[in-house]
Amino acid sequence: MSTQQTAGTLSGAAVKPGMHDLSDAASLVEIQPEATVSRTVLQAEGARVVLFSFDAGQVLTEHTAAVPALLQVLDGHLRITADGRTVGLHPGGLVHFAARLPHALLLRPRTETE
């Protein structure tokens, strides 16, 4: 099995144990007009990092994940609905979802406020 590393991206069937870094994760995915884009940028023992980019107003409808998930905003403002409540998340903010917890995401335009 081989490991592939391109511009800070680590992926492949087997990434060797050890330390892995992404020096500029935000640069690894681009915003597409009227679309939501996802890209797995790191897959290693016990972890998978998926970057999403949303054009303003795009929605990731309610869904679940089979494993617990951490969500962090790198740029913009997300509105996240889960566990009976809605929170706004700005760059640097972090949310944890338990496995199989239904959740939905909406990218709010930069001009909107909480």
PDB file of N, CA and C in Angstrom:
ATOM      1  N   MET A   1       0.834  -1.171   0.000  1.00  0.00           N
ATOM      2  CA  MET A   1       0.000   0.000   0.000  1.00  0.00           C
ATOM      3  C   MET A   1       0.880   1.236   0.000  1.00  0.00           C
ATOM      4  N   SER A   2       0.420   2.250  -0.675  1.00  0.00           N
ATOM      5  CA  SER A   2       1.245   3.440  -0.745  1.00  0.00           C
ATOM      6  C   SER A   2       0.562   4.620  -0.077  1.00  0.00           C
ATOM      7  N   THR A   3       1.362   5.588   0.300  1.00  0.00           N
ATOM      8  CA  THR A   3       0.875   6.828   0.880  1.00  0.00           C
ATOM      9  C   THR A   3       1.103   7.918  -0.128  1.00  0.00           C
ATOM     10  N   GLN A   4       0.146   8.804  -0.253  1.00  0.00           N
ATOM     11  CA  GLN A   4       0.245   9.888  -1.211  1.00  0.00           C
ATOM     12  C   GLN A   4       0.275  11.199  -0.439  1.00  0.00           C
ATOM     13  N   GLN A   5       1.235  12.081  -0.741  1.00  0.00           N
ATOM     14  CA  GLN A   5       1.296  13.381  -0.105  1.00  0.00           C
ATOM     15  C   GLN A   5       1.452  14.432  -1.185  1.00  0.00           C
ATOM     16  N   THR A   6       0.489  15.357  -1.251  1.00  0.00           N
ATOM     17  CA  THR A   6       0.498  16.414  -2.241  1.00  0.00           C
ATOM     18  C   THR A   6       0.109  17.720  -1.589  1.00  0.00           C
ATOM     19  N   ALA A   7       0.949  18.722  -1.637  1.00  0.00           N
ATOM     20  CA  ALA A   7       0.645  20.062  -1.121  1.00  0.00           C
ATOM     21  C   ALA A   7       0.035  20.006   0.271  1.00  0.00           C
ATOM     22  N   GLY A   8       0.619  19.184   1.160  1.00  0.00           N
ATOM     23  CA  GLY A   8       0.124  19.118   2.515  1.00  0.00           C
ATOM     24  C   GLY A   8      -1.009  18.123   2.716  1.00  0.00           C
ATOM     25  N   THR A   9      -1.469  17.466   1.682  1.00  0.00           N
ATOM     26  CA  THR A   9      -2.549  16.493   1.797  1.00  0.00           C
ATOM     27  C   THR A   9      -1.962  15.125   2.083  1.00  0.00           C
ATOM     28  N   LEU A  10      -2.540  14.437   3.038  1.00  0.00           N
ATOM     29  CA  LEU A  10      -2.108  13.083   3.355  1.00  0.00           C
ATOM     30  C   LEU A  10      -3.291  12.163   3.165  1.00  0.00           C
ATOM     31  N   SER A  11      -3.148  11.202   2.285  1.00  0.00           N
ATOM     32  CA  SER A  11      -4.232  10.247   2.094  1.00  0.00           C
ATOM     33  C   SER A  11      -3.659   8.952   1.580  1.00  0.00           C
ATOM     34  N   GLY A  12      -4.503   7.973   1.450  1.00  0.00           N
ATOM     35  CA  GLY A  12      -4.066   6.680   0.940  1.00  0.00           C
ATOM     36  C   GLY A  12      -4.603   5.575   1.811  1.00  0.00           C
ATOM     37  N   ALA A  13      -4.399   4.359   1.382  1.00  0.00           N
ATOM     38  CA  ALA A  13      -4.921   3.221   2.112  1.00  0.00           C
ATOM     39  C   ALA A  13      -4.226   3.058   3.455  1.00  0.00           C
ATOM     40  N   ALA A  14      -2.947   3.424   3.540  1.00  0.00           N
ATOM     41  CA  ALA A  14      -2.216   3.270   4.797  1.00  0.00           C
ATOM     42  C   ALA A  14      -1.240   4.423   4.970  1.00  0.00           C
ATOM     43  N   VAL A  15      -1.486   5.242   5.961  1.00  0.00           N
ATOM     44  CA  VAL A  15      -0.534   6.291   6.318  1.00  0.00           C
ATOM     45  C   VAL A  15       0.248   5.743   7.500  1.00  0.00           C
ATOM     46  N   LYS A  16       1.550   5.826   7.452  1.00  0.00           N
ATOM     47  CA  LYS A  16       2.386   5.269   8.514  1.00  0.00           C
ATOM     48  C   LYS A  16       2.074   5.934   9.849  1.00  0.00           C
ATOM     49  N   PRO A  17       2.144   5.156  10.949  1.00  0.00           N
ATOM     50  CA  PRO A  17       1.935   5.746  12.275  1.00  0.00           C
ATOM     51  C   PRO A  17       2.958   6.856  12.518  1.00  0.00           C
ATOM     52  N   GLY A  18       2.580   7.819  13.313  1.00  0.00           N
ATOM     53  CA  GLY A  18       3.478   8.922  13.634  1.00  0.00           C
ATOM     54  C   GLY A  18       2.740  10.237  13.598  1.00  0.00           C
ATOM     55  N   MET A  19       3.480  11.299  13.415  1.00  0.00           N
ATOM     56  CA  MET A  19       2.897  12.632  13.375  1.00  0.00           C
ATOM     57  C   MET A  19       2.590  13.028  11.939  1.00  0.00           C
ATOM     58  N   HIS A  20       1.414  13.628  11.751  1.00  0.00           N
ATOM     59  CA  HIS A  20       0.997  14.101  10.434  1.00  0.00           C
ATOM     60  C   HIS A  20       0.532  15.534  10.589  1.00  0.00           C
ATOM     61  N   ASP A  21       0.862  16.386   9.630  1.00  0.00           N
ATOM     62  CA  ASP A  21       0.461  17.785   9.743  1.00  0.00           C
ATOM     63  C   ASP A  21      -0.060  18.309   8.417  1.00  0.00           C
ATOM     64  N   LEU A  22      -0.917  19.307   8.527  1.00  0.00           N
ATOM     65  CA  LEU A  22      -1.430  20.043   7.382  1.00  0.00           C
ATOM     66  C   LEU A  22      -1.156  21.507   7.692  1.00  0.00           C
ATOM     67  N   SER A  23      -0.202  22.105   7.002  1.00  0.00           N
ATOM     68  CA  SER A  23       0.225  23.459   7.355  1.00  0.00           C
ATOM     69  C   SER A  23      -0.778  24.528   6.963  1.00  0.00           C
ATOM     70  N   ASP A  24      -1.602  24.293   5.943  1.00  0.00           N
ATOM     71  CA  ASP A  24      -2.584  25.283   5.505  1.00  0.00           C
ATOM     72  C   ASP A  24      -3.810  24.559   4.974  1.00  0.00           C
ATOM     73  N   ALA A  25      -4.595  23.993   5.885  1.00  0.00           N
ATOM     74  CA  ALA A  25      -5.742  23.183   5.492  1.00  0.00           C
ATOM     75  C   ALA A  25      -6.724  23.954   4.620  1.00  0.00           C
ATOM     76  N   ALA A  26      -6.960  25.212   4.919  1.00  0.00           N
ATOM     77  CA  ALA A  26      -7.949  25.996   4.168  1.00  0.00           C
ATOM     78  C   ALA A  26      -7.609  26.094   2.684  1.00  0.00           C
ATOM     79  N   SER A  27      -6.342  26.013   2.344  1.00  0.00           N
ATOM     80  CA  SER A  27      -5.949  26.136   0.939  1.00  0.00           C
ATOM     81  C   SER A  27      -6.203  24.851   0.142  1.00  0.00           C
ATOM     82  N   LEU A  28      -6.609  23.784   0.809  1.00  0.00           N
ATOM     83  CA  LEU A  28      -6.762  22.483   0.158  1.00  0.00           C
ATOM     84  C   LEU A  28      -8.149  22.247  -0.434  1.00  0.00           C
ATOM     85  N   VAL A  29      -9.049  23.203  -0.283  1.00  0.00           N
ATOM     86  CA  VAL A  29     -10.387  23.087  -0.852  1.00  0.00           C
ATOM     87  C   VAL A  29     -10.850  24.474  -1.294  1.00  0.00           C
ATOM     88  N   GLU A  30     -11.519  24.545  -2.431  1.00  0.00           N
ATOM     89  CA  GLU A  30     -11.965  25.833  -2.967  1.00  0.00           C
ATOM     90  C   GLU A  30     -13.483  25.922  -2.957  1.00  0.00           C
ATOM     91  N   ILE A  31     -13.988  27.136  -2.813  1.00  0.00           N
ATOM     92  CA  ILE A  31     -15.421  27.373  -2.887  1.00  0.00           C
ATOM     93  C   ILE A  31     -15.848  27.343  -4.341  1.00  0.00           C
ATOM     94  N   GLN A  32     -16.896  26.577  -4.625  1.00  0.00           N
ATOM     95  CA  GLN A  32     -17.473  26.495  -5.964  1.00  0.00           C
ATOM     96  C   GLN A  32     -18.826  27.208  -5.936  1.00  0.00           C
ATOM     97  N   PRO A  33     -19.142  28.005  -6.951  1.00  0.00           N
ATOM     98  CA  PRO A  33     -20.412  28.731  -6.970  1.00  0.00           C
ATOM     99  C   PRO A  33     -21.612  27.794  -6.801  1.00  0.00           C
ATOM    100  N   GLU A  34     -22.496  28.171  -5.877  1.00  0.00           N
ATOM    101  CA  GLU A  34     -23.748  27.461  -5.628  1.00  0.00           C
ATOM    102  C   GLU A  34     -23.541  25.972  -5.349  1.00  0.00           C
ATOM    103  N   ALA A  35     -22.472  25.640  -4.625  1.00  0.00           N
ATOM    104  CA  ALA A  35     -22.170  24.227  -4.372  1.00  0.00           C
ATOM    105  C   ALA A  35     -21.564  24.021  -2.992  1.00  0.00           C
ATOM    106  N   THR A  36     -21.614  22.770  -2.561  1.00  0.00           N
ATOM    107  CA  THR A  36     -20.899  22.311  -1.378  1.00  0.00           C
ATOM    108  C   THR A  36     -19.886  21.292  -1.874  1.00  0.00           C
ATOM    109  N   VAL A  37     -18.631  21.459  -1.485  1.00  0.00           N
ATOM    110  CA  VAL A  37     -17.550  20.580  -1.931  1.00  0.00           C
ATOM    111  C   VAL A  37     -16.933  19.919  -0.700  1.00  0.00           C
ATOM    112  N   SER A  38     -16.617  18.633  -0.791  1.00  0.00           N
ATOM    113  CA  SER A  38     -15.907  17.973   0.306  1.00  0.00           C
ATOM    114  C   SER A  38     -14.684  17.260  -0.245  1.00  0.00           C
ATOM    115  N   ARG A  39     -13.653  17.194   0.597  1.00  0.00           N
ATOM    116  CA  ARG A  39     -12.403  16.544   0.198  1.00  0.00           C
ATOM    117  C   ARG A  39     -11.719  15.969   1.432  1.00  0.00           C
ATOM    118  N   THR A  40     -11.410  14.675   1.405  1.00  0.00           N
ATOM    119  CA  THR A  40     -10.642  14.063   2.486  1.00  0.00           C
ATOM    120  C   THR A  40      -9.187  14.461   2.303  1.00  0.00           C
ATOM    121  N   VAL A  41      -8.615  15.106   3.318  1.00  0.00           N
ATOM    122  CA  VAL A  41      -7.243  15.600   3.206  1.00  0.00           C
ATOM    123  C   VAL A  41      -6.274  14.871   4.128  1.00  0.00           C
ATOM    124  N   LEU A  42      -6.795  14.079   5.054  1.00  0.00           N
ATOM    125  CA  LEU A  42      -5.919  13.281   5.909  1.00  0.00           C
ATOM    126  C   LEU A  42      -6.681  12.051   6.360  1.00  0.00           C
ATOM    127  N   GLN A  43      -6.071  10.901   6.166  1.00  0.00           N
ATOM    128  CA  GLN A  43      -6.634   9.659   6.668  1.00  0.00           C
ATOM    129  C   GLN A  43      -5.496   8.898   7.306  1.00  0.00           C
ATOM    130  N   ALA A  44      -5.596   8.713   8.624  1.00  0.00           N
ATOM    131  CA  ALA A  44      -4.539   8.050   9.380  1.00  0.00           C
ATOM    132  C   ALA A  44      -5.200   7.240  10.489  1.00  0.00           C
ATOM    133  N   GLU A  45      -4.397   6.553  11.268  1.00  0.00           N
ATOM    134  CA  GLU A  45      -4.905   5.713  12.342  1.00  0.00           C
ATOM    135  C   GLU A  45      -5.851   6.496  13.254  1.00  0.00           C
ATOM    136  N   GLY A  46      -7.119   6.070  13.298  1.00  0.00           N
ATOM    137  CA  GLY A  46      -8.083   6.676  14.201  1.00  0.00           C
ATOM    138  C   GLY A  46      -8.578   8.055  13.813  1.00  0.00           C
ATOM    139  N   ALA A  47      -8.223   8.532  12.635  1.00  0.00           N
ATOM    140  CA  ALA A  47      -8.626   9.891  12.250  1.00  0.00           C
ATOM    141  C   ALA A  47      -8.848   9.999  10.754  1.00  0.00           C
ATOM    142  N   ARG A  48      -9.816  10.818  10.409  1.00  0.00           N
ATOM    143  CA  ARG A  48     -10.041  11.185   9.021  1.00  0.00           C
ATOM    144  C   ARG A  48     -10.453  12.645   9.037  1.00  0.00           C
ATOM    145  N   VAL A  49      -9.749  13.473   8.273  1.00  0.00           N
ATOM    146  CA  VAL A  49     -10.055  14.895   8.197  1.00  0.00           C
ATOM    147  C   VAL A  49     -10.658  15.170   6.831  1.00  0.00           C
ATOM    148  N   VAL A  50     -11.882  15.706   6.843  1.00  0.00           N
ATOM    149  CA  VAL A  50     -12.587  16.048   5.620  1.00  0.00           C
ATOM    150  C   VAL A  50     -12.841  17.543   5.633  1.00  0.00           C
ATOM    151  N   LEU A  51     -12.408  18.230   4.591  1.00  0.00           N
ATOM    152  CA  LEU A  51     -12.671  19.660   4.456  1.00  0.00           C
ATOM    153  C   LEU A  51     -13.910  19.852   3.600  1.00  0.00           C
ATOM    154  N   PHE A  52     -14.747  20.772   4.015  1.00  0.00           N
ATOM    155  CA  PHE A  52     -15.928  21.147   3.247  1.00  0.00           C
ATOM    156  C   PHE A  52     -15.811  22.616   2.899  1.00  0.00           C
ATOM    157  N   SER A  53     -16.252  22.984   1.706  1.00  0.00           N
ATOM    158  CA  SER A  53     -16.407  24.393   1.369  1.00  0.00           C
ATOM    159  C   SER A  53     -17.842  24.585   0.919  1.00  0.00           C
ATOM    160  N   PHE A  54     -18.437  25.668   1.381  1.00  0.00           N
ATOM    161  CA  PHE A  54     -19.819  25.986   1.077  1.00  0.00           C
ATOM    162  C   PHE A  54     -19.867  27.362   0.445  1.00  0.00           C
ATOM    163  N   ASP A  55     -20.595  27.511  -0.638  1.00  0.00           N
ATOM    164  CA  ASP A  55     -20.904  28.845  -1.139  1.00  0.00           C
ATOM    165  C   ASP A  55     -21.964  29.405  -0.193  1.00  0.00           C
ATOM    166  N   ALA A  56     -22.055  30.729  -0.096  1.00  0.00           N
ATOM    167  CA  ALA A  56     -23.009  31.367   0.810  1.00  0.00           C
ATOM    168  C   ALA A  56     -24.412  30.827   0.575  1.00  0.00           C
ATOM    169  N   GLY A  57     -25.094  30.501   1.670  1.00  0.00           N
ATOM    170  CA  GLY A  57     -26.460  30.014   1.600  1.00  0.00           C
ATOM    171  C   GLY A  57     -26.592  28.530   1.350  1.00  0.00           C
ATOM    172  N   GLN A  58     -25.490  27.830   1.109  1.00  0.00           N
ATOM    173  CA  GLN A  58     -25.557  26.386   0.870  1.00  0.00           C
ATOM    174  C   GLN A  58     -25.848  25.649   2.178  1.00  0.00           C
ATOM    175  N   VAL A  59     -26.531  24.527   2.064  1.00  0.00           N
ATOM    176  CA  VAL A  59     -26.960  23.751   3.213  1.00  0.00           C
ATOM    177  C   VAL A  59     -26.457  22.319   3.085  1.00  0.00           C
ATOM    178  N   LEU A  60     -26.014  21.762   4.189  1.00  0.00           N
ATOM    179  CA  LEU A  60     -25.767  20.327   4.281  1.00  0.00           C
ATOM    180  C   LEU A  60     -26.924  19.814   5.121  1.00  0.00           C
ATOM    181  N   THR A  61     -27.900  19.183   4.477  1.00  0.00           N
ATOM    182  CA  THR A  61     -29.133  18.786   5.145  1.00  0.00           C
ATOM    183  C   THR A  61     -28.857  17.773   6.255  1.00  0.00           C
ATOM    184  N   GLU A  62     -29.864  17.599   7.105  1.00  0.00           N
ATOM    185  CA  GLU A  62     -29.690  16.727   8.261  1.00  0.00           C
ATOM    186  C   GLU A  62     -29.183  15.349   7.848  1.00  0.00           C
ATOM    187  N   HIS A  63     -28.173  14.908   8.574  1.00  0.00           N
ATOM    188  CA  HIS A  63     -27.551  13.609   8.322  1.00  0.00           C
ATOM    189  C   HIS A  63     -26.902  13.145   9.610  1.00  0.00           C
ATOM    190  N   THR A  64     -26.329  11.959   9.604  1.00  0.00           N
ATOM    191  CA  THR A  64     -25.593  11.440  10.752  1.00  0.00           C
ATOM    192  C   THR A  64     -24.248  10.905  10.275  1.00  0.00           C
ATOM    193  N   ALA A  65     -23.367  10.688  11.216  1.00  0.00           N
ATOM    194  CA  ALA A  65     -22.073  10.056  10.929  1.00  0.00           C
ATOM    195  C   ALA A  65     -21.966   8.828  11.833  1.00  0.00           C
ATOM    196  N   ALA A  66     -21.386   7.765  11.329  1.00  0.00           N
ATOM    197  CA  ALA A  66     -21.261   6.519  12.089  1.00  0.00           C
ATOM    198  C   ALA A  66     -20.265   6.629  13.237  1.00  0.00           C
ATOM    199  N   VAL A  67     -19.405   7.635  13.181  1.00  0.00           N
ATOM    200  CA  VAL A  67     -18.383   7.829  14.215  1.00  0.00           C
ATOM    201  C   VAL A  67     -18.504   9.247  14.770  1.00  0.00           C
ATOM    202  N   PRO A  68     -17.993   9.489  15.978  1.00  0.00           N
ATOM    203  CA  PRO A  68     -18.005  10.858  16.504  1.00  0.00           C
ATOM    204  C   PRO A  68     -17.258  11.792  15.551  1.00  0.00           C
ATOM    205  N   ALA A  69     -17.652  13.061  15.534  1.00  0.00           N
ATOM    206  CA  ALA A  69     -17.027  14.021  14.620  1.00  0.00           C
ATOM    207  C   ALA A  69     -16.761  15.338  15.329  1.00  0.00           C
ATOM    208  N   LEU A  70     -15.662  15.987  14.934  1.00  0.00           N
ATOM    209  CA  LEU A  70     -15.342  17.352  15.357  1.00  0.00           C
ATOM    210  C   LEU A  70     -15.498  18.246  14.150  1.00  0.00           C
ATOM    211  N   LEU A  71     -16.117  19.388  14.331  1.00  0.00           N
ATOM    212  CA  LEU A  71     -16.297  20.344  13.254  1.00  0.00           C
ATOM    213  C   LEU A  71     -15.669  21.657  13.685  1.00  0.00           C
ATOM    214  N   GLN A  72     -14.789  22.201  12.845  1.00  0.00           N
ATOM    215  CA  GLN A  72     -14.164  23.488  13.122  1.00  0.00           C
ATOM    216  C   GLN A  72     -14.306  24.376  11.898  1.00  0.00           C
ATOM    217  N   VAL A  73     -14.657  25.636  12.114  1.00  0.00           N
ATOM    218  CA  VAL A  73     -14.782  26.592  11.028  1.00  0.00           C
ATOM    219  C   VAL A  73     -13.432  27.255  10.800  1.00  0.00           C
ATOM    220  N   LEU A  74     -12.972  27.258   9.543  1.00  0.00           N
ATOM    221  CA  LEU A  74     -11.727  27.926   9.182  1.00  0.00           C
ATOM    222  C   LEU A  74     -11.983  29.331   8.658  1.00  0.00           C
ATOM    223  N   ASP A  75     -13.135  29.520   7.992  1.00  0.00           N
ATOM    224  CA  ASP A  75     -13.479  30.822   7.419  1.00  0.00           C
ATOM    225  C   ASP A  75     -14.997  30.878   7.277  1.00  0.00           C
ATOM    226  N   GLY A  76     -15.585  32.035   7.460  1.00  0.00           N
ATOM    227  CA  GLY A  76     -17.027  32.183   7.311  1.00  0.00           C
ATOM    228  C   GLY A  76     -17.761  31.978   8.617  1.00  0.00           C
ATOM    229  N   HIS A  77     -19.044  31.680   8.528  1.00  0.00           N
ATOM    230  CA  HIS A  77     -19.905  31.530   9.694  1.00  0.00           C
ATOM    231  C   HIS A  77     -20.921  30.438   9.412  1.00  0.00           C
ATOM    232  N   LEU A  78     -20.878  29.376  10.181  1.00  0.00           N
ATOM    233  CA  LEU A  78     -21.825  28.272  10.029  1.00  0.00           C
ATOM    234  C   LEU A  78     -22.919  28.352  11.077  1.00  0.00           C
ATOM    235  N   ARG A  79     -24.111  27.981  10.678  1.00  0.00           N
ATOM    236  CA  ARG A  79     -25.208  27.782  11.627  1.00  0.00           C
ATOM    237  C   ARG A  79     -25.424  26.280  11.684  1.00  0.00           C
ATOM    238  N   ILE A  80     -25.299  25.703  12.876  1.00  0.00           N
ATOM    239  CA  ILE A  80     -25.341  24.263  13.069  1.00  0.00           C
ATOM    240  C   ILE A  80     -26.543  23.911  13.930  1.00  0.00           C
ATOM    241  N   THR A  81     -27.343  22.966  13.450  1.00  0.00           N
ATOM    242  CA  THR A  81     -28.506  22.511  14.203  1.00  0.00           C
ATOM    243  C   THR A  81     -28.296  21.049  14.568  1.00  0.00           C
ATOM    244  N   ALA A  82     -28.386  20.759  15.873  1.00  0.00           N
ATOM    245  CA  ALA A  82     -28.233  19.388  16.368  1.00  0.00           C
ATOM    246  C   ALA A  82     -28.694  19.346  17.816  1.00  0.00           C
ATOM    247  N   ASP A  83     -29.090  18.185  18.251  1.00  0.00           N
ATOM    248  CA  ASP A  83     -29.390  17.953  19.658  1.00  0.00           C
ATOM    249  C   ASP A  83     -30.433  18.941  20.201  1.00  0.00           C
ATOM    250  N   GLY A  84     -31.382  19.344  19.343  1.00  0.00           N
ATOM    251  CA  GLY A  84     -32.457  20.222  19.774  1.00  0.00           C
ATOM    252  C   GLY A  84     -32.115  21.691  19.891  1.00  0.00           C
ATOM    253  N   ARG A  85     -30.969  22.110  19.350  1.00  0.00           N
ATOM    254  CA  ARG A  85     -30.601  23.528  19.408  1.00  0.00           C
ATOM    255  C   ARG A  85     -29.812  23.939  18.180  1.00  0.00           C
ATOM    256  N   THR A  86     -29.670  25.242  17.994  1.00  0.00           N
ATOM    257  CA  THR A  86     -28.913  25.799  16.878  1.00  0.00           C
ATOM    258  C   THR A  86     -27.851  26.727  17.441  1.00  0.00           C
ATOM    259  N   VAL A  87     -26.622  26.586  16.945  1.00  0.00           N
ATOM    260  CA  VAL A  87     -25.529  27.455  17.374  1.00  0.00           C
ATOM    261  C   VAL A  87     -24.858  28.069  16.153  1.00  0.00           C
ATOM    262  N   GLY A  88     -24.301  29.259  16.333  1.00  0.00           N
ATOM    263  CA  GLY A  88     -23.494  29.905  15.302  1.00  0.00           C
ATOM    264  C   GLY A  88     -22.036  29.626  15.589  1.00  0.00           C
ATOM    265  N   LEU A  89     -21.286  29.286  14.574  1.00  0.00           N
ATOM    266  CA  LEU A  89     -19.871  28.964  14.752  1.00  0.00           C
ATOM    267  C   LEU A  89     -19.044  29.831  13.819  1.00  0.00           C
ATOM    268  N   HIS A  90     -18.062  30.525  14.382  1.00  0.00           N
ATOM    269  CA  HIS A  90     -17.165  31.423  13.654  1.00  0.00           C
ATOM    270  C   HIS A  90     -15.778  30.789  13.571  1.00  0.00           C
ATOM    271  N   PRO A  91     -14.863  31.358  12.769  1.00  0.00           N
ATOM    272  CA  PRO A  91     -13.513  30.793  12.656  1.00  0.00           C
ATOM    273  C   PRO A  91     -12.867  30.554  14.020  1.00  0.00           C
ATOM    274  N   GLY A  92     -12.321  29.370  14.167  1.00  0.00           N
ATOM    275  CA  GLY A  92     -11.690  28.977  15.418  1.00  0.00           C
ATOM    276  C   GLY A  92     -12.636  28.225  16.336  1.00  0.00           C
ATOM    277  N   GLY A  93     -13.949  28.359  16.127  1.00  0.00           N
ATOM    278  CA  GLY A  93     -14.929  27.651  16.939  1.00  0.00           C
ATOM    279  C   GLY A  93     -14.929  26.169  16.625  1.00  0.00           C
ATOM    280  N   LEU A  94     -15.362  25.376  17.593  1.00  0.00           N
ATOM    281  CA  LEU A  94     -15.313  23.922  17.462  1.00  0.00           C
ATOM    282  C   LEU A  94     -16.589  23.315  18.039  1.00  0.00           C
ATOM    283  N   VAL A  95     -17.126  22.303  17.374  1.00  0.00           N
ATOM    284  CA  VAL A  95     -18.301  21.570  17.839  1.00  0.00           C
ATOM    285  C   VAL A  95     -17.990  20.081  17.756  1.00  0.00           C
ATOM    286  N   HIS A  96     -18.441  19.326  18.744  1.00  0.00           N
ATOM    287  CA  HIS A  96     -18.304  17.868  18.746  1.00  0.00           C
ATOM    288  C   HIS A  96     -19.684  17.259  18.563  1.00  0.00           C
ATOM    289  N   PHE A  97     -19.785  16.252  17.690  1.00  0.00           N
ATOM    290  CA  PHE A  97     -21.016  15.493  17.496  1.00  0.00           C
ATOM    291  C   PHE A  97     -20.771  14.063  17.946  1.00  0.00           C
ATOM    292  N   ALA A  98     -21.680  13.533  18.748  1.00  0.00           N
ATOM    293  CA  ALA A  98     -21.620  12.114  19.090  1.00  0.00           C
ATOM    294  C   ALA A  98     -21.947  11.295  17.836  1.00  0.00           C
ATOM    295  N   ALA A  99     -21.509  10.060  17.815  1.00  0.00           N
ATOM    296  CA  ALA A  99     -21.835   9.175  16.695  1.00  0.00           C
ATOM    297  C   ALA A  99     -23.345   9.094  16.520  1.00  0.00           C
ATOM    298  N   ARG A 100     -23.782   9.124  15.274  1.00  0.00           N
ATOM    299  CA  ARG A 100     -25.187   8.981  14.879  1.00  0.00           C
ATOM    300  C   ARG A 100     -26.096  10.103  15.364  1.00  0.00           C
ATOM    301  N   LEU A 101     -25.548  11.236  15.791  1.00  0.00           N
ATOM    302  CA  LEU A 101     -26.361  12.387  16.188  1.00  0.00           C
ATOM    303  C   LEU A 101     -26.791  13.141  14.925  1.00  0.00           C
ATOM    304  N   PRO A 102     -28.088  13.253  14.661  1.00  0.00           N
ATOM    305  CA  PRO A 102     -28.525  14.004  13.483  1.00  0.00           C
ATOM    306  C   PRO A 102     -28.105  15.472  13.594  1.00  0.00           C
ATOM    307  N   HIS A 103     -27.568  16.018  12.498  1.00  0.00           N
ATOM    308  CA  HIS A 103     -27.146  17.416  12.486  1.00  0.00           C
ATOM    309  C   HIS A 103     -27.231  17.967  11.068  1.00  0.00           C
ATOM    310  N   ALA A 104     -27.363  19.299  10.966  1.00  0.00           N
ATOM    311  CA  ALA A 104     -27.441  19.981   9.681  1.00  0.00           C
ATOM    312  C   ALA A 104     -26.600  21.248   9.761  1.00  0.00           C
ATOM    313  N   LEU A 105     -26.094  21.708   8.602  1.00  0.00           N
ATOM    314  CA  LEU A 105     -25.218  22.883   8.535  1.00  0.00           C
ATOM    315  C   LEU A 105     -25.702  23.843   7.462  1.00  0.00           C
ATOM    316  N   LEU A 106     -25.585  25.143   7.758  1.00  0.00           N
ATOM    317  CA  LEU A 106     -25.921  26.194   6.805  1.00  0.00           C
ATOM    318  C   LEU A 106     -24.831  27.244   6.876  1.00  0.00           C
ATOM    319  N   LEU A 107     -24.232  27.583   5.737  1.00  0.00           N
ATOM    320  CA  LEU A 107     -23.252  28.662   5.709  1.00  0.00           C
ATOM    321  C   LEU A 107     -24.012  29.982   5.607  1.00  0.00           C
ATOM    322  N   ARG A 108     -23.788  30.840   6.574  1.00  0.00           N
ATOM    323  CA  ARG A 108     -24.445  32.145   6.572  1.00  0.00           C
ATOM    324  C   ARG A 108     -23.580  33.140   5.824  1.00  0.00           C
ATOM    325  N   PRO A 109     -24.208  34.032   5.081  1.00  0.00           N
ATOM    326  CA  PRO A 109     -23.436  35.090   4.418  1.00  0.00           C
ATOM    327  C   PRO A 109     -22.668  35.907   5.449  1.00  0.00           C
ATOM    328  N   ARG A 110     -21.510  36.419   5.060  1.00  0.00           N
ATOM    329  CA  ARG A 110     -20.658  37.193   5.961  1.00  0.00           C
ATOM    330  C   ARG A 110     -21.355  38.410   6.553  1.00  0.00           C
ATOM    331  N   THR A 111     -22.367  38.945   5.890  1.00  0.00           N
ATOM    332  CA  THR A 111     -23.037  40.155   6.366  1.00  0.00           C
ATOM    333  C   THR A 111     -24.037  39.888   7.469  1.00  0.00           C
ATOM    334  N   GLU A 112     -24.429  38.617   7.682  1.00  0.00           N
ATOM    335  CA  GLU A 112     -25.396  38.302   8.735  1.00  0.00           C
ATOM    336  C   GLU A 112     -24.704  38.311  10.085  1.00  0.00           C
ATOM    337  N   THR A 113     -25.454  38.648  11.130  1.00  0.00           N
ATOM    338  CA  THR A 113     -24.932  38.625  12.489  1.00  0.00           C
ATOM    339  C   THR A 113     -25.717  37.624  13.310  1.00  0.00           C
ATOM    340  N   GLU A 114     -25.179  37.259  14.434  1.00  0.00           N
ATOM    341  CA  GLU A 114     -25.853  36.311  15.332  1.00  0.00           C
ATOM    342  C   GLU A 114     -27.118  36.908  15.875  1.00  0.00           C
TER     343      GLU A 114
END
